[in-house]
């Protein structure tokens, strides 16, 4: 089952995508076409790092679904307020992609 992995490396928030548990994870790419920000990822509050993360996650989760940018940005706002800001900033997380898709398309 695909997952978004949120980790801390040397104090920096890192987001990874893993398609299957048996496979290596890959870095989640920022989506500057959805949110033009040159900083990194973070979670647990509502600043630009979490906004950047929510857009990157939505960009990956709906990568092949053909959504317009305006719909992706709407999904990113929902993800930010319903999930990302509620996470504890000092913790690491494994977020199931299917659960995120279900939340955003209900």
N, C-alpha and C. Protein backbone atom coordinates (compact mmCIF):
# COMPACT_ATOMS: atom_id res chain seq x y z
N UNK A 1 0.84 -1.18 0.00
CA UNK A 1 0.00 0.00 0.00
C UNK A 1 0.89 1.25 0.00
N UNK A 2 0.68 2.18 -0.91
CA UNK A 2 1.50 3.40 -0.97
C UNK A 2 1.34 4.26 0.29
N UNK A 3 2.44 4.88 0.68
CA UNK A 3 2.45 5.74 1.86
C UNK A 3 3.28 6.99 1.61
N UNK A 4 2.91 8.05 2.31
CA UNK A 4 3.74 9.24 2.42
C UNK A 4 4.42 9.14 3.78
N UNK A 5 5.73 9.21 3.80
CA UNK A 5 6.49 9.10 5.04
C UNK A 5 7.04 10.47 5.41
N UNK A 6 6.75 10.92 6.60
CA UNK A 6 7.26 12.20 7.10
C UNK A 6 8.34 11.90 8.13
N UNK A 7 9.54 12.38 7.89
CA UNK A 7 10.68 12.07 8.73
C UNK A 7 11.48 13.33 9.02
N UNK A 8 12.33 13.24 10.06
CA UNK A 8 13.29 14.30 10.35
C UNK A 8 14.69 13.74 10.13
N UNK A 9 15.48 14.47 9.37
CA UNK A 9 16.87 14.12 9.12
C UNK A 9 17.71 15.34 9.46
N UNK A 10 18.57 15.20 10.44
CA UNK A 10 19.42 16.32 10.87
C UNK A 10 18.59 17.57 11.18
N UNK A 11 17.40 17.37 11.72
CA UNK A 11 16.53 18.48 12.10
C UNK A 11 15.66 19.04 10.98
N UNK A 12 15.81 18.52 9.78
CA UNK A 12 15.02 19.00 8.64
C UNK A 12 13.86 18.05 8.37
N UNK A 13 12.69 18.61 8.10
CA UNK A 13 11.54 17.80 7.72
C UNK A 13 11.70 17.27 6.31
N UNK A 14 11.53 15.97 6.15
CA UNK A 14 11.68 15.31 4.86
C UNK A 14 10.42 14.51 4.59
N UNK A 15 9.94 14.58 3.36
CA UNK A 15 8.79 13.79 2.94
C UNK A 15 9.23 12.79 1.88
N UNK A 16 8.78 11.56 2.04
CA UNK A 16 9.13 10.47 1.13
C UNK A 16 7.85 9.81 0.64
N UNK A 17 7.95 9.17 -0.51
CA UNK A 17 6.86 8.37 -1.05
C UNK A 17 7.35 6.95 -1.19
N UNK A 18 6.57 6.00 -0.66
CA UNK A 18 6.91 4.59 -0.81
C UNK A 18 5.70 3.89 -1.42
N UNK A 19 5.91 3.26 -2.57
CA UNK A 19 4.81 2.60 -3.26
C UNK A 19 4.41 1.30 -2.57
N UNK A 20 5.38 0.53 -2.13
CA UNK A 20 5.12 -0.72 -1.42
C UNK A 20 6.14 -0.87 -0.30
N UNK A 21 5.74 -1.57 0.77
CA UNK A 21 6.62 -1.73 1.93
C UNK A 21 7.93 -2.41 1.57
N UNK A 22 7.92 -3.25 0.56
CA UNK A 22 9.14 -3.98 0.16
C UNK A 22 10.07 -3.14 -0.71
N UNK A 23 9.64 -1.95 -1.11
CA UNK A 23 10.45 -1.10 -1.99
C UNK A 23 11.07 0.06 -1.21
N UNK A 24 12.13 0.58 -1.76
CA UNK A 24 12.78 1.76 -1.17
C UNK A 24 11.89 2.99 -1.38
N UNK A 25 11.95 3.89 -0.44
CA UNK A 25 11.20 5.15 -0.57
C UNK A 25 11.99 6.13 -1.44
N UNK A 26 11.26 7.09 -2.02
CA UNK A 26 11.89 8.14 -2.83
C UNK A 26 11.49 9.50 -2.25
N UNK A 27 12.32 10.48 -2.46
CA UNK A 27 12.00 11.83 -1.99
C UNK A 27 10.74 12.34 -2.68
N UNK A 28 9.90 12.99 -1.92
CA UNK A 28 8.71 13.62 -2.48
C UNK A 28 9.14 14.98 -3.04
N UNK A 29 8.86 15.19 -4.29
CA UNK A 29 9.28 16.43 -4.96
C UNK A 29 8.33 17.58 -4.61
N UNK A 30 8.85 18.77 -4.39
CA UNK A 30 7.98 19.94 -4.22
C UNK A 30 7.21 20.17 -5.51
N UNK A 31 6.05 20.76 -5.40
CA UNK A 31 5.24 21.06 -6.58
C UNK A 31 5.14 22.57 -6.74
N UNK A 32 6.19 23.16 -7.28
CA UNK A 32 6.22 24.62 -7.44
C UNK A 32 5.21 25.11 -8.46
N UNK A 33 4.70 24.20 -9.29
CA UNK A 33 3.63 24.59 -10.21
C UNK A 33 2.31 24.82 -9.46
N UNK A 34 2.18 24.22 -8.26
CA UNK A 34 0.99 24.40 -7.44
C UNK A 34 1.19 25.43 -6.33
N UNK A 35 2.41 25.48 -5.79
CA UNK A 35 2.74 26.42 -4.71
C UNK A 35 4.20 26.80 -4.87
N UNK A 36 4.44 28.04 -5.25
CA UNK A 36 5.79 28.52 -5.56
C UNK A 36 6.50 28.93 -4.27
N UNK A 37 7.25 27.99 -3.73
CA UNK A 37 7.95 28.20 -2.47
C UNK A 37 9.27 27.46 -2.54
N UNK A 38 10.36 28.10 -2.15
CA UNK A 38 11.67 27.48 -2.29
C UNK A 38 12.18 26.85 -1.00
N UNK A 39 11.39 26.92 0.08
CA UNK A 39 11.80 26.29 1.34
C UNK A 39 11.46 24.82 1.37
N UNK A 40 11.59 24.24 2.54
CA UNK A 40 11.38 22.81 2.70
C UNK A 40 9.98 22.45 3.17
N UNK A 41 9.90 21.26 3.74
CA UNK A 41 8.65 20.72 4.25
C UNK A 41 8.66 20.74 5.77
N UNK A 42 7.48 20.94 6.35
CA UNK A 42 7.30 20.81 7.80
C UNK A 42 5.83 20.53 8.06
N UNK A 43 5.51 20.23 9.30
CA UNK A 43 4.12 19.92 9.68
C UNK A 43 3.91 20.32 11.13
N UNK A 44 2.64 20.42 11.51
CA UNK A 44 2.31 20.74 12.88
C UNK A 44 1.91 22.19 13.12
N UNK A 45 1.83 22.98 12.08
CA UNK A 45 1.38 24.38 12.18
C UNK A 45 0.93 24.81 10.79
N UNK A 46 0.57 26.06 10.61
CA UNK A 46 0.00 26.49 9.34
C UNK A 46 0.87 27.40 8.49
N UNK A 47 2.18 27.32 8.63
CA UNK A 47 3.07 28.19 7.88
C UNK A 47 3.38 27.69 6.47
N UNK A 48 4.34 28.35 5.81
CA UNK A 48 4.65 28.00 4.42
C UNK A 48 5.23 26.60 4.23
N UNK A 49 5.99 26.08 5.20
CA UNK A 49 6.52 24.72 5.08
C UNK A 49 5.41 23.67 5.02
N UNK A 50 4.41 23.75 5.91
CA UNK A 50 3.27 22.83 5.82
C UNK A 50 2.43 23.04 4.56
N UNK A 51 2.29 24.27 4.11
CA UNK A 51 1.55 24.52 2.86
C UNK A 51 2.29 23.86 1.70
N UNK A 52 3.61 24.01 1.69
CA UNK A 52 4.44 23.38 0.66
C UNK A 52 4.26 21.86 0.70
N UNK A 53 4.27 21.28 1.89
CA UNK A 53 4.09 19.84 2.04
C UNK A 53 2.73 19.39 1.53
N UNK A 54 1.68 20.11 1.88
CA UNK A 54 0.34 19.70 1.45
C UNK A 54 0.21 19.72 -0.08
N UNK A 55 0.82 20.68 -0.73
CA UNK A 55 0.78 20.73 -2.20
C UNK A 55 1.61 19.60 -2.81
N UNK A 56 2.75 19.28 -2.21
CA UNK A 56 3.58 18.18 -2.72
C UNK A 56 2.85 16.85 -2.57
N UNK A 57 2.19 16.64 -1.43
CA UNK A 57 1.45 15.40 -1.22
C UNK A 57 0.31 15.28 -2.22
N UNK A 58 -0.47 16.32 -2.37
CA UNK A 58 -1.59 16.29 -3.31
C UNK A 58 -1.08 16.06 -4.73
N UNK A 59 0.02 16.71 -5.09
CA UNK A 59 0.59 16.52 -6.42
C UNK A 59 0.97 15.08 -6.67
N UNK A 60 1.47 14.40 -5.65
CA UNK A 60 1.86 12.99 -5.80
C UNK A 60 0.64 12.07 -5.77
N UNK A 61 -0.25 12.29 -4.82
CA UNK A 61 -1.41 11.42 -4.65
C UNK A 61 -2.31 11.44 -5.88
N UNK A 62 -2.47 12.60 -6.50
CA UNK A 62 -3.35 12.73 -7.66
C UNK A 62 -2.56 12.90 -8.97
N UNK A 63 -1.34 12.46 -8.97
CA UNK A 63 -0.41 12.62 -10.09
C UNK A 63 -0.99 12.17 -11.43
N UNK A 64 -1.72 11.09 -11.45
CA UNK A 64 -2.21 10.53 -12.71
C UNK A 64 -3.73 10.65 -12.87
N UNK A 65 -4.35 11.48 -12.03
CA UNK A 65 -5.81 11.59 -12.06
C UNK A 65 -6.33 12.72 -12.95
N UNK A 66 -5.43 13.53 -13.48
CA UNK A 66 -5.83 14.56 -14.43
C UNK A 66 -6.57 15.75 -13.85
N UNK A 67 -6.42 16.01 -12.54
CA UNK A 67 -7.08 17.16 -11.94
C UNK A 67 -6.43 18.47 -12.40
N UNK A 68 -7.25 19.49 -12.57
CA UNK A 68 -6.74 20.83 -12.86
C UNK A 68 -5.99 21.37 -11.64
N UNK A 69 -5.13 22.33 -11.85
CA UNK A 69 -4.37 22.93 -10.76
C UNK A 69 -5.28 23.52 -9.69
N UNK A 70 -6.38 24.13 -10.10
CA UNK A 70 -7.29 24.74 -9.12
C UNK A 70 -7.88 23.68 -8.19
N UNK A 71 -8.18 22.51 -8.70
CA UNK A 71 -8.71 21.42 -7.87
C UNK A 71 -7.62 20.90 -6.95
N UNK A 72 -6.41 20.76 -7.46
CA UNK A 72 -5.29 20.31 -6.62
C UNK A 72 -5.03 21.29 -5.49
N UNK A 73 -5.09 22.57 -5.77
CA UNK A 73 -4.88 23.59 -4.73
C UNK A 73 -5.98 23.51 -3.67
N UNK A 74 -7.21 23.26 -4.10
CA UNK A 74 -8.32 23.10 -3.16
C UNK A 74 -8.08 21.88 -2.27
N UNK A 75 -7.68 20.76 -2.87
CA UNK A 75 -7.37 19.56 -2.10
C UNK A 75 -6.22 19.82 -1.12
N UNK A 76 -5.22 20.58 -1.54
CA UNK A 76 -4.08 20.89 -0.68
C UNK A 76 -4.51 21.71 0.53
N UNK A 77 -5.43 22.65 0.36
CA UNK A 77 -5.94 23.43 1.49
C UNK A 77 -6.68 22.54 2.48
N UNK A 78 -7.48 21.63 1.96
CA UNK A 78 -8.20 20.70 2.83
C UNK A 78 -7.21 19.82 3.59
N UNK A 79 -6.24 19.26 2.88
CA UNK A 79 -5.23 18.42 3.52
C UNK A 79 -4.48 19.19 4.60
N UNK A 80 -4.12 20.42 4.31
CA UNK A 80 -3.41 21.25 5.28
C UNK A 80 -4.22 21.38 6.57
N UNK A 81 -5.49 21.76 6.44
CA UNK A 81 -6.30 22.05 7.63
C UNK A 81 -6.82 20.80 8.33
N UNK A 82 -7.03 19.73 7.59
CA UNK A 82 -7.59 18.51 8.18
C UNK A 82 -6.52 17.55 8.70
N UNK A 83 -5.29 17.65 8.18
CA UNK A 83 -4.26 16.68 8.56
C UNK A 83 -2.96 17.35 8.99
N UNK A 84 -2.35 18.09 8.09
CA UNK A 84 -0.97 18.56 8.27
C UNK A 84 -0.80 19.43 9.51
N UNK A 85 -1.69 20.39 9.74
CA UNK A 85 -1.54 21.27 10.90
C UNK A 85 -1.81 20.54 12.21
N UNK A 86 -2.50 19.41 12.15
CA UNK A 86 -2.85 18.65 13.36
C UNK A 86 -1.77 17.67 13.79
N UNK A 87 -0.78 17.45 12.96
CA UNK A 87 0.31 16.53 13.30
C UNK A 87 1.26 17.21 14.28
N UNK A 88 1.83 16.43 15.18
CA UNK A 88 2.82 16.98 16.11
C UNK A 88 4.12 17.21 15.35
N UNK A 89 4.70 18.41 15.45
CA UNK A 89 5.88 18.72 14.65
C UNK A 89 7.10 17.88 14.97
N UNK A 90 7.23 17.38 16.18
CA UNK A 90 8.43 16.62 16.55
C UNK A 90 8.31 15.13 16.24
N UNK A 91 7.20 14.71 15.67
CA UNK A 91 6.96 13.28 15.41
C UNK A 91 7.11 12.95 13.92
N UNK A 92 7.31 11.66 13.67
CA UNK A 92 7.38 11.16 12.30
C UNK A 92 6.12 10.35 12.01
N UNK A 93 5.70 10.32 10.75
CA UNK A 93 4.42 9.71 10.39
C UNK A 93 4.52 8.89 9.12
N UNK A 94 3.65 7.88 9.03
CA UNK A 94 3.41 7.11 7.81
C UNK A 94 1.95 7.35 7.45
N UNK A 95 1.69 8.08 6.37
CA UNK A 95 0.33 8.43 5.97
C UNK A 95 -0.08 7.57 4.78
N UNK A 96 -1.08 6.70 4.95
CA UNK A 96 -1.54 5.87 3.83
C UNK A 96 -2.16 6.72 2.72
N UNK A 97 -1.71 6.53 1.52
CA UNK A 97 -2.20 7.31 0.38
C UNK A 97 -3.70 7.10 0.18
N UNK A 98 -4.18 5.88 0.35
CA UNK A 98 -5.61 5.61 0.14
C UNK A 98 -6.48 6.41 1.13
N UNK A 99 -6.03 6.53 2.37
CA UNK A 99 -6.78 7.30 3.37
C UNK A 99 -6.79 8.78 2.99
N UNK A 100 -5.67 9.28 2.48
CA UNK A 100 -5.61 10.68 2.05
C UNK A 100 -6.55 10.92 0.87
N UNK A 101 -6.52 10.01 -0.11
CA UNK A 101 -7.41 10.15 -1.26
C UNK A 101 -8.87 10.12 -0.84
N UNK A 102 -9.20 9.24 0.09
CA UNK A 102 -10.58 9.14 0.57
C UNK A 102 -11.02 10.44 1.25
N UNK A 103 -10.17 10.98 2.08
CA UNK A 103 -10.47 12.25 2.75
C UNK A 103 -10.71 13.36 1.75
N UNK A 104 -9.90 13.43 0.73
CA UNK A 104 -9.93 14.55 -0.21
C UNK A 104 -10.97 14.42 -1.30
N UNK A 105 -11.52 13.25 -1.50
CA UNK A 105 -12.50 13.08 -2.59
C UNK A 105 -13.90 12.74 -2.07
N UNK A 106 -14.13 12.89 -0.78
CA UNK A 106 -15.47 12.62 -0.26
C UNK A 106 -16.41 13.76 -0.50
